Amino acid sequence: VCDIVRVKSVSENVSMKEMVTLSQTELKRMLVLQRVLEGQISTFEAALVLGLSERQVYRLKAKFQSQGPAALVHGNRGRKPVHAVPEETRQQIIQLAQTIYRGCNYTFLSELLCEREGITLSPSSVGRILKSAGIPSPRKHRPPKLHRRRQRKPQFGMLVLIDGSHHDWLEGRGPKLVLLLAVDDATSMILAALFSLTEDFEGYRRLLFDLVTRYGIPLAIYSDRHTLFFPPEKEVSLEQQLLGEVRPLTQIGRILNELGITHIPARSPQAKGRVERAFGTLQERLTVELRLAGACSLEEANEVLGRFIERYNRQFAVPPESSASAFRPVPAHLRLEHVFCWKERRVLNPGYTIQYQKQTYRVVNTKGVPVIPLRTVVEVHRLADGSLFVGWNGHIYPLESVPASSLLPKNKEAGKKGGQSMGRKPAPDHPWRKPWKSSQINHGVSF
């Protein structure tokens, strides 16, 4: 912005003196035109100095002679612009920014005003209005840190970043929720997202299941070193070594291993910066969307989330460097419900029974499936709906619950009558029925 100076102007027709405010550009024109009028320089030289045409200098000189320095002032100075924002609209924006749209940055607020209120203003205009009213932007811009940003993967599906964000998403209207995300590294596109009450196995199981069923199997998964993904580092037991495990796997790690997905641990939050920046954007925008929708429960929050992710990807996703996709199709023989489940090992006991969660189950053999040898280590599959199966050598066997009464020996079942045991009575000539004599004990008589 040019500096402003004030000069005295004496009009030929008006004897009164007036103060005229000139900018540095206008002051320069006045000084050059005075030299032209005094004959120190020519009109052609003045045009070169001012960067104007010679014809324009003739017009300015004529106006300067008749009106003085006031002729050099721009004609729109002091007038209200035609495209100025009306005062009623300014007050409406200030009120909305402090009430239902509180917490929005200038860019997001301008989008909401255009979409919901019919007020079309640029983010800079919204920012000027709010700053003049003393309302700063809620986002704190910290000075950037010098670090080398990791290059994006060239193909869609080469690397997927997963993480969870603990935040007051419902702003006190409902329970505290955790947002789980799966973000593609090549495009910053949100591939899967869901709200959960806790950051647990069930939440990540649903997240990965949604990812695989919708897009396919990615090449690699990038996550932090949470114990859901990587167990605490400790020595491998002898039993695990005999079972062929070099390093113990968590349930999430086992799912990724069965799907052939490389699991990469992040050493710092900056390493998975793209999913962290996505959380920062969602904490500003999604919180407002949940508030406007009146979401107060987990189900309502997930419903709003599904609609919001589609708009988010259209606005923030970038095209990949390569058009080819690195997602692999799910093999036809792979039963995903038996991959995305909870698995534990048990030993098959006589009677083809196993013990699981303090209950006894029997393996049901079906036609065309080999019989499992006794004392074999099998895998118990607990599916998402709670049903139980046994896996062995690539075959799946259903389990049925065994009543506790059927586990008693047959002689004990026959000896029971009316729920009470029928004890065996000793014979009449049994030694226990004969009276004891002290003489038998003294003479060493024994029975």
Protein backbone atom coordinates (compact mmCIF):
# COMPACT_ATOMS: atom_id res chain seq x y z
CA VAL A 1 0.00 0.00 0.00
CA CYS A 2 1.37 3.37 -0.95
CA ASP A 3 2.00 6.02 1.67
CA ILE A 4 -0.50 8.87 1.90
CA VAL A 5 0.49 12.53 1.96
CA ARG A 6 -1.61 15.65 2.26
CA VAL A 7 -1.09 18.71 0.07
CA LYS A 8 -2.82 22.07 -0.16
CA SER A 9 -4.86 22.70 -3.26
CA VAL A 10 -5.77 26.23 -4.41
CA SER A 11 -8.46 26.28 -7.10
CA GLU A 12 -8.56 29.13 -9.60
CA ASN A 13 -12.31 29.46 -9.35
CA VAL A 14 -12.49 29.00 -5.56
CA SER A 15 -10.48 31.17 -3.26
CA MET A 16 -10.79 28.71 -0.42
CA LYS A 17 -7.93 26.32 0.34
CA GLU A 18 -8.61 22.60 0.77
CA MET A 19 -6.55 19.60 1.90
CA VAL A 20 -6.21 16.80 -0.63
CA THR A 21 -4.88 13.36 0.29
CA LEU A 22 -2.56 11.89 -2.34
CA SER A 23 -0.86 8.55 -2.60
CA GLN A 24 2.81 8.28 -3.53
CA THR A 25 1.88 7.50 -7.14
CA GLU A 26 -0.41 10.52 -7.37
CA LEU A 27 2.20 12.73 -5.67
CA LYS A 28 4.78 11.63 -8.23
CA ARG A 29 2.42 12.56 -11.05
CA MET A 30 1.87 16.00 -9.50
CA LEU A 31 5.59 16.73 -9.25
CA VAL A 32 6.25 15.61 -12.82
CA LEU A 33 3.33 17.65 -14.17
CA GLN A 34 4.59 20.74 -12.32
CA ARG A 35 7.93 20.37 -14.08
CA VAL A 36 6.12 20.02 -17.41
CA LEU A 37 4.16 23.23 -16.73
CA GLU A 38 7.36 25.04 -15.72
CA GLY A 39 9.01 23.91 -18.97
CA GLN A 40 11.76 21.84 -17.29
CA ILE A 41 10.81 18.64 -19.15
CA SER A 42 8.74 17.86 -22.22
CA THR A 43 5.46 15.97 -22.35
CA PHE A 44 7.21 13.05 -24.07
CA GLU A 45 9.80 12.81 -21.25
CA ALA A 46 7.04 13.00 -18.63
CA ALA A 47 5.25 10.09 -20.30
CA LEU A 48 8.43 8.00 -20.10
CA VAL A 49 8.91 8.83 -16.40
CA LEU A 50 5.30 8.11 -15.42
CA GLY A 51 4.93 5.03 -17.62
CA LEU A 52 1.91 6.53 -19.40
CA SER A 53 1.10 7.40 -22.96
CA GLU A 54 1.79 10.91 -24.17
CA ARG A 55 -1.90 11.40 -24.81
CA GLN A 56 -2.72 10.48 -21.22
CA VAL A 57 -0.15 12.99 -19.96
CA TYR A 58 -1.83 15.75 -22.02
CA ARG A 59 -5.19 14.93 -20.38
CA LEU A 60 -3.69 14.88 -16.86
CA LYS A 61 -1.91 18.17 -17.47
CA ALA A 62 -5.12 19.86 -18.60
CA LYS A 63 -7.04 18.61 -15.55
CA PHE A 64 -4.16 19.57 -13.25
CA GLN A 65 -4.16 23.12 -14.61
CA SER A 66 -7.88 23.59 -14.08
CA GLN A 67 -8.52 21.66 -10.84
CA GLY A 68 -5.17 21.45 -9.16
CA PRO A 69 -3.93 18.36 -7.23
CA ALA A 70 -7.53 17.21 -6.65
CA ALA A 71 -7.71 16.22 -10.33
CA LEU A 72 -5.11 13.51 -9.79
CA VAL A 73 -7.19 11.70 -7.15
CA HIS A 74 -8.94 8.55 -8.38
CA GLY A 75 -12.63 9.07 -8.98
CA ASN A 76 -13.70 6.03 -6.91
CA ARG A 77 -11.97 7.18 -3.76
CA GLY A 78 -14.42 7.46 -0.88
CA ARG A 79 -17.18 5.65 -2.75
CA LYS A 80 -18.59 2.35 -1.52
CA PRO A 81 -17.79 -0.44 -4.02
CA VAL A 82 -20.71 -1.91 -5.92
CA HIS A 83 -19.65 -5.45 -5.03
CA ALA A 84 -19.18 -4.66 -1.32
CA VAL A 85 -20.72 -7.14 1.12
CA PRO A 86 -23.91 -5.68 2.64
CA GLU A 87 -23.83 -4.94 6.32
CA GLU A 88 -26.69 -7.36 7.00
CA THR A 89 -24.74 -10.18 5.36
CA ARG A 90 -21.63 -9.32 7.37
CA GLN A 91 -23.56 -9.49 10.63
CA GLN A 92 -25.16 -12.79 9.58
CA ILE A 93 -21.75 -14.29 8.85
CA ILE A 94 -20.39 -13.14 12.20
CA GLN A 95 -23.40 -14.60 14.03
CA LEU A 96 -23.20 -17.96 12.21
CA ALA A 97 -19.46 -18.22 12.86
CA GLN A 98 -20.11 -17.87 16.59
CA THR A 99 -23.11 -20.24 16.81
CA ILE A 100 -23.85 -23.27 14.62
CA TYR A 101 -20.64 -22.99 12.55
CA ARG A 102 -18.28 -22.37 15.43
CA GLY A 103 -14.91 -24.01 15.14
CA CYS A 104 -14.80 -23.83 11.32
CA ASN A 105 -11.78 -22.40 9.57
CA TYR A 106 -12.29 -19.72 6.92
CA THR A 107 -12.21 -22.11 3.96
CA PHE A 108 -14.67 -24.60 5.44
CA LEU A 109 -16.94 -21.79 6.64
CA SER A 110 -17.11 -20.28 3.13
CA GLU A 111 -18.09 -23.72 1.76
CA LEU A 112 -20.83 -24.14 4.37
CA LEU A 113 -22.17 -20.62 3.75
CA CYS A 114 -22.44 -21.34 0.03
CA GLU A 115 -23.97 -24.80 0.49
CA ARG A 116 -26.43 -24.14 3.33
CA GLU A 117 -27.02 -20.37 3.51
CA GLY A 118 -26.75 -19.31 -0.14
CA ILE A 119 -23.95 -16.81 0.67
CA THR A 120 -21.19 -17.05 -1.94
CA LEU A 121 -17.96 -15.51 -0.63
CA SER A 122 -14.32 -16.44 -0.99
CA PRO A 123 -12.40 -17.69 2.05
CA SER A 124 -10.32 -14.50 2.05
CA SER A 125 -13.47 -12.34 2.18
CA VAL A 126 -14.88 -14.42 5.02
CA GLY A 127 -11.55 -14.12 6.80
CA ARG A 128 -11.50 -10.31 6.47
CA ILE A 129 -15.04 -10.04 7.85
CA LEU A 130 -14.29 -12.25 10.86
CA LYS A 131 -10.91 -10.66 11.57
CA SER A 132 -12.50 -7.19 11.57
CA ALA A 133 -14.95 -8.53 14.18
CA GLY A 134 -12.10 -9.96 16.29
CA ILE A 135 -12.78 -13.64 15.48
CA PRO A 136 -9.51 -15.40 14.62
CA SER A 137 -9.25 -18.68 12.76
CA PRO A 138 -9.44 -21.74 15.08
CA ARG A 139 -6.55 -23.43 13.29
CA LYS A 140 -3.21 -22.50 14.78
CA HIS A 141 -0.56 -22.26 12.07
CA ARG A 142 2.68 -23.33 13.67
CA PRO A 143 5.97 -22.59 11.95
CA PRO A 144 6.85 -25.44 9.59
CA LYS A 145 9.49 -27.92 10.65
CA LEU A 146 12.23 -28.81 8.25
CA HIS A 147 11.95 -32.47 7.30
CA ARG A 148 12.09 -34.51 4.16
CA ARG A 149 8.63 -35.55 3.04
CA ARG A 150 8.30 -39.14 1.90
CA GLN A 151 7.34 -39.55 -1.75
CA ARG A 152 3.92 -40.99 -2.50
CA LYS A 153 3.66 -44.51 -3.82
CA PRO A 154 3.09 -44.46 -7.59
CA GLN A 155 0.12 -46.87 -7.71
CA PHE A 156 -3.26 -46.98 -6.04
CA GLY A 157 -3.25 -49.73 -3.38
CA MET A 158 0.52 -50.15 -2.99
CA LEU A 159 0.42 -48.81 0.58
CA VAL A 160 -2.56 -48.25 2.88
CA LEU A 161 -2.19 -46.37 6.17
CA ILE A 162 -4.49 -47.33 9.08
CA ASP A 163 -4.88 -45.59 12.41
CA GLY A 164 -7.41 -44.46 15.02
CA SER A 165 -8.26 -41.00 16.38
CA HIS A 166 -9.59 -40.47 19.92
CA HIS A 167 -11.58 -37.24 19.82
CA ASP A 168 -14.81 -35.80 21.21
CA TRP A 169 -16.55 -36.22 17.87
CA LEU A 170 -20.08 -35.76 19.25
CA GLU A 171 -19.10 -32.77 21.44
CA GLY A 172 -20.75 -34.21 24.52
CA ARG A 173 -24.04 -35.18 22.85
CA GLY A 174 -23.23 -38.91 23.05
CA PRO A 175 -20.51 -41.40 23.97
CA LYS A 176 -16.82 -40.86 23.29
CA LEU A 177 -16.01 -42.42 19.93
CA VAL A 178 -12.87 -43.50 18.08
CA LEU A 179 -12.60 -42.89 14.33
CA LEU A 180 -10.75 -45.65 12.45
CA LEU A 181 -9.37 -44.79 9.01
CA ALA A 182 -7.72 -46.56 6.09
CA VAL A 183 -6.06 -44.02 3.75
CA ASP A 184 -4.36 -44.76 0.43
CA ASP A 185 -0.83 -43.37 0.27
CA ALA A 186 -0.83 -42.65 -3.49
CA THR A 187 -4.06 -40.62 -3.59
CA SER A 188 -4.84 -39.61 0.05
CA MET A 189 -8.23 -41.19 -0.58
CA ILE A 190 -10.12 -42.58 2.43
CA LEU A 191 -10.76 -46.20 1.50
CA ALA A 192 -12.64 -47.26 4.65
CA ALA A 193 -13.78 -45.48 7.80
CA LEU A 194 -15.97 -46.24 10.78
CA PHE A 195 -16.72 -45.04 14.29
CA SER A 196 -16.16 -47.44 17.18
CA LEU A 197 -16.55 -47.19 20.93
CA THR A 198 -12.97 -48.39 21.51
CA GLU A 199 -9.85 -48.99 19.44
CA ASP A 200 -10.02 -52.78 19.54
CA PHE A 201 -9.78 -55.90 17.37
CA GLU A 202 -13.44 -55.83 16.34
CA GLY A 203 -13.16 -52.28 14.99
CA TYR A 204 -10.06 -52.95 12.91
CA ARG A 205 -11.50 -56.30 11.76
CA ARG A 206 -14.53 -54.49 10.32
CA LEU A 207 -12.32 -51.75 8.84
CA LEU A 208 -10.04 -54.22 7.03
CA PHE A 209 -12.97 -56.40 5.94
CA ASP A 210 -14.66 -53.34 4.39
CA LEU A 211 -11.39 -52.39 2.67
CA VAL A 212 -10.77 -55.85 1.18
CA THR A 213 -14.34 -56.50 0.05
CA ARG A 214 -14.61 -53.08 -1.62
CA TYR A 215 -11.23 -52.65 -3.31
CA GLY A 216 -9.29 -55.92 -2.98
CA ILE A 217 -6.10 -56.94 -1.18
CA PRO A 218 -3.45 -54.17 -0.93
CA LEU A 219 0.26 -54.86 -1.15
CA ALA A 220 1.20 -53.36 2.24
CA ILE A 221 -0.37 -51.94 5.39
CA TYR A 222 1.35 -49.15 7.36
CA SER A 223 0.41 -48.77 11.05
CA ASP A 224 1.85 -47.69 14.36
CA ARG A 225 3.32 -50.13 16.88
CA HIS A 226 0.12 -50.56 18.89
CA THR A 227 -0.18 -53.92 20.63
CA LEU A 228 -3.20 -54.65 18.44
CA PHE A 229 -0.78 -54.89 15.51
CA PHE A 230 2.53 -55.93 17.07
CA PRO A 231 2.89 -57.77 20.41
CA PRO A 232 5.48 -56.59 22.94
CA GLU A 233 8.90 -57.83 21.93
CA LYS A 234 9.79 -60.92 23.93
CA GLU A 235 11.38 -64.30 23.43
CA VAL A 236 9.50 -66.90 21.41
CA SER A 237 8.43 -69.87 23.57
CA LEU A 238 9.38 -73.46 22.76
CA GLU A 239 5.77 -74.33 21.95
CA GLN A 240 5.59 -71.50 19.42
CA GLN A 241 8.87 -72.60 17.88
CA LEU A 242 7.54 -76.15 17.50
CA LEU A 243 4.43 -74.77 15.82
CA GLY A 244 6.64 -72.98 13.29
CA GLU A 245 6.25 -69.44 14.58
CA VAL A 246 9.36 -67.30 14.50
CA ARG A 247 7.57 -64.29 15.97
CA PRO A 248 4.15 -64.33 17.65
CA LEU A 249 1.37 -62.62 15.74
CA THR A 250 -1.60 -60.68 17.01
CA GLN A 251 -5.03 -61.39 15.57
CA ILE A 252 -4.67 -58.41 13.19
CA GLY A 253 -1.17 -59.52 12.22
CA ARG A 254 -2.47 -63.04 11.57
CA ILE A 255 -5.22 -61.70 9.27
CA LEU A 256 -2.70 -59.69 7.25
CA ASN A 257 -0.38 -62.69 7.09
CA GLU A 258 -3.14 -64.98 5.76
CA LEU A 259 -4.02 -62.41 3.08
CA GLY A 260 -0.38 -62.01 2.06
CA ILE A 261 -0.23 -58.32 3.04
CA THR A 262 3.11 -56.88 4.13
CA HIS A 263 2.79 -55.22 7.53
CA ILE A 264 5.12 -52.23 8.03
CA PRO A 265 5.48 -50.61 11.50
CA ALA A 266 5.85 -46.82 11.71
CA ARG A 267 8.62 -45.52 13.94
CA SER A 268 7.14 -42.02 14.42
CA PRO A 269 3.87 -40.12 13.87
CA GLN A 270 5.54 -38.14 11.06
CA ALA A 271 6.09 -41.38 9.13
CA LYS A 272 2.31 -41.78 8.70
CA GLY A 273 1.72 -38.07 8.20
CA ARG A 274 -0.92 -38.47 5.51
CA VAL A 275 -3.37 -40.25 7.78
CA GLU A 276 -2.53 -37.82 10.60
CA ARG A 277 -3.31 -34.84 8.34
CA ALA A 278 -6.55 -36.52 7.33
CA PHE A 279 -7.51 -36.74 11.00
CA GLY A 280 -6.73 -33.03 11.41
CA THR A 281 -9.06 -32.14 8.53
CA LEU A 282 -11.80 -34.46 9.79
CA GLN A 283 -11.63 -33.08 13.32
CA GLU A 284 -12.46 -29.65 11.88
CA ARG A 285 -15.02 -30.58 9.24
CA LEU A 286 -16.61 -33.86 10.34
CA THR A 287 -17.29 -32.52 13.85
CA VAL A 288 -19.36 -29.70 12.36
CA GLU A 289 -21.18 -32.11 10.02
CA LEU A 290 -22.13 -34.33 12.97
CA ARG A 291 -23.35 -31.28 14.87
CA LEU A 292 -25.48 -30.04 11.97
CA ALA A 293 -26.96 -33.53 11.50
CA GLY A 294 -27.75 -33.78 15.23
CA ALA A 295 -25.93 -37.13 15.59
CA CYS A 296 -26.00 -38.36 19.20
CA SER A 297 -25.21 -42.09 18.94
CA LEU A 298 -22.75 -44.47 17.33
CA GLU A 299 -25.21 -45.55 14.62
CA GLU A 300 -26.11 -41.97 13.67
CA ALA A 301 -22.44 -40.96 13.57
CA ASN A 302 -21.59 -43.83 11.19
CA GLU A 303 -24.52 -42.88 8.96
CA VAL A 304 -23.26 -39.28 8.66
CA LEU A 305 -19.70 -40.55 8.15
CA GLY A 306 -20.68 -42.63 5.13
CA ARG A 307 -22.13 -39.61 3.31
CA PHE A 308 -19.30 -37.30 4.34
CA ILE A 309 -16.45 -39.55 3.09
CA GLU A 310 -17.78 -39.41 -0.48
CA ARG A 311 -17.61 -35.59 -0.51
CA TYR A 312 -14.23 -35.64 1.22
CA ASN A 313 -12.68 -37.88 -1.45
CA ARG A 314 -14.07 -35.75 -4.27
CA GLN A 315 -12.51 -32.64 -2.75
CA PHE A 316 -9.19 -33.81 -1.31
CA ALA A 317 -8.14 -36.96 -3.18
CA VAL A 318 -5.40 -36.55 -5.81
CA PRO A 319 -4.81 -38.69 -8.92
CA PRO A 320 -2.05 -41.33 -8.62
CA GLU A 321 1.14 -41.15 -10.62
CA SER A 322 0.28 -44.41 -12.39
CA SER A 323 -3.19 -45.37 -13.59
CA ALA A 324 -2.64 -49.07 -12.79
CA SER A 325 -4.07 -50.44 -9.52
CA ALA A 326 -1.97 -52.52 -7.14
CA PHE A 327 -4.99 -54.08 -5.39
CA ARG A 328 -5.15 -57.85 -5.85
CA PRO A 329 -8.50 -59.61 -6.30
CA VAL A 330 -9.64 -61.92 -3.51
CA PRO A 331 -9.01 -65.58 -4.49
CA ALA A 332 -12.19 -67.55 -5.16
CA HIS A 333 -11.26 -70.33 -2.72
CA LEU A 334 -10.65 -67.90 0.16
CA ARG A 335 -13.49 -67.74 2.69
CA LEU A 336 -13.14 -64.23 4.10
CA GLU A 337 -15.46 -64.90 7.05
CA HIS A 338 -12.93 -67.51 8.25
CA VAL A 339 -10.03 -65.10 7.74
CA PHE A 340 -11.56 -62.08 9.48
CA CYS A 341 -12.37 -63.95 12.68
CA TRP A 342 -10.85 -64.70 16.07
CA LYS A 343 -8.68 -67.83 16.08
CA GLU A 344 -7.25 -69.84 18.96
CA ARG A 345 -5.50 -73.22 19.12
CA ARG A 346 -6.90 -76.19 21.02
CA VAL A 347 -6.11 -79.92 21.33
CA LEU A 348 -8.67 -82.44 20.05
CA ASN A 349 -9.56 -84.73 22.97
CA PRO A 350 -11.01 -88.28 22.87
CA GLY A 351 -14.62 -88.18 21.76
CA TYR A 352 -13.68 -85.44 19.27
CA THR A 353 -14.25 -82.75 21.86
CA ILE A 354 -12.44 -79.53 22.66
CA GLN A 355 -12.57 -77.13 25.58
CA TYR A 356 -13.29 -73.51 24.70
CA GLN A 357 -14.28 -70.73 27.13
CA LYS A 358 -15.14 -73.20 29.93
CA GLN A 359 -17.48 -75.18 27.68
CA THR A 360 -17.16 -78.46 25.81
CA TYR A 361 -17.79 -78.71 22.07
CA ARG A 362 -17.79 -81.71 19.74
CA VAL A 363 -16.43 -81.63 16.19
CA VAL A 364 -19.08 -82.58 13.65
CA ASN A 365 -17.61 -84.69 10.85
CA THR A 366 -19.23 -84.17 7.46
CA LYS A 367 -19.15 -86.38 4.39
CA GLY A 368 -16.14 -86.02 2.09
CA VAL A 369 -13.98 -84.38 4.79
CA PRO A 370 -11.12 -86.33 6.39
CA VAL A 371 -11.39 -87.25 10.05
CA ILE A 372 -9.10 -85.33 12.37
CA PRO A 373 -6.69 -87.57 14.35
CA LEU A 374 -7.02 -87.39 18.11
CA ARG A 375 -4.60 -85.28 20.12
CA THR A 376 -4.13 -82.99 17.12
CA VAL A 377 -3.76 -79.24 17.52
CA VAL A 378 -6.67 -77.52 15.74
CA GLU A 379 -7.79 -73.90 15.30
CA VAL A 380 -11.06 -72.67 16.74
CA HIS A 381 -12.71 -70.02 14.54
CA ARG A 382 -15.09 -67.62 16.26
CA LEU A 383 -16.88 -65.73 13.50
CA ALA A 384 -18.35 -62.25 13.70
CA ASP A 385 -21.85 -63.64 14.39
CA GLY A 386 -20.56 -65.77 17.30
CA SER A 387 -20.69 -69.15 15.54
CA LEU A 388 -17.80 -71.58 16.20
CA PHE A 389 -15.88 -73.78 13.76
CA VAL A 390 -12.68 -75.82 13.76
CA GLY A 391 -10.03 -75.47 11.06
CA TRP A 392 -7.52 -78.24 10.24
CA ASN A 393 -5.43 -78.79 7.11
CA GLY A 394 -7.50 -76.28 5.14
CA HIS A 395 -10.83 -77.95 6.06
CA ILE A 396 -13.60 -76.36 8.14
CA TYR A 397 -15.62 -78.40 10.65
CA PRO A 398 -18.67 -77.11 12.53
CA LEU A 399 -18.85 -77.39 16.31
CA GLU A 400 -21.80 -78.36 18.45
CA SER A 401 -22.20 -77.77 22.17
CA VAL A 402 -22.05 -80.86 24.37
CA PRO A 403 -24.36 -80.95 27.44
CA ALA A 404 -22.58 -81.51 30.75
CA SER A 405 -24.80 -84.52 31.58
CA SER A 406 -23.58 -86.47 28.54
CA LEU A 407 -19.98 -86.23 29.73
CA LEU A 408 -20.57 -88.43 32.85
CA PRO A 409 -19.48 -92.10 32.79
CA LYS A 410 -22.24 -94.67 32.09
CA ASN A 411 -21.92 -96.45 35.47
CA LYS A 412 -22.46 -93.15 37.25
CA GLU A 413 -25.49 -92.37 35.10
CA ALA A 414 -26.98 -95.83 35.90
CA GLY A 415 -26.36 -95.37 39.63
CA LYS A 416 -28.30 -92.15 39.74
CA LYS A 417 -31.98 -92.23 40.64
CA GLY A 418 -34.03 -89.16 41.19
CA GLY A 419 -30.88 -87.10 41.15
CA GLN A 420 -29.35 -88.97 44.14
CA SER A 421 -26.67 -91.68 44.08
CA MET A 422 -27.79 -95.27 45.02
CA GLY A 423 -24.87 -96.47 47.15
CA ARG A 424 -24.04 -100.24 47.34
CA LYS A 425 -25.01 -101.86 50.69
CA PRO A 426 -22.49 -104.25 52.32
CA ALA A 427 -23.44 -107.93 52.77
CA PRO A 428 -24.80 -109.17 56.14
CA ASP A 429 -21.62 -111.20 56.80
CA HIS A 430 -19.30 -108.39 55.79
CA PRO A 431 -16.44 -107.88 58.27
CA TRP A 432 -17.55 -104.29 58.75
CA ARG A 433 -20.83 -105.61 60.30
CA LYS A 434 -19.09 -107.89 62.79
CA PRO A 435 -18.54 -106.45 66.29
CA TRP A 436 -14.97 -105.65 67.24
CA LYS A 437 -13.41 -107.47 70.18
CA SER A 438 -10.54 -106.18 72.23
CA SER A 439 -9.13 -109.74 72.43
CA GLN A 440 -8.73 -109.79 68.67
CA ILE A 441 -6.68 -106.65 68.77
CA ASN A 442 -4.56 -107.92 71.71
CA HIS A 443 -3.80 -111.25 69.96
CA GLY A 444 -3.02 -109.53 66.73
CA VAL A 445 -6.05 -110.90 64.89
CA SER A 446 -6.73 -108.92 61.77
CA PHE A 447 -9.29 -109.15 58.97
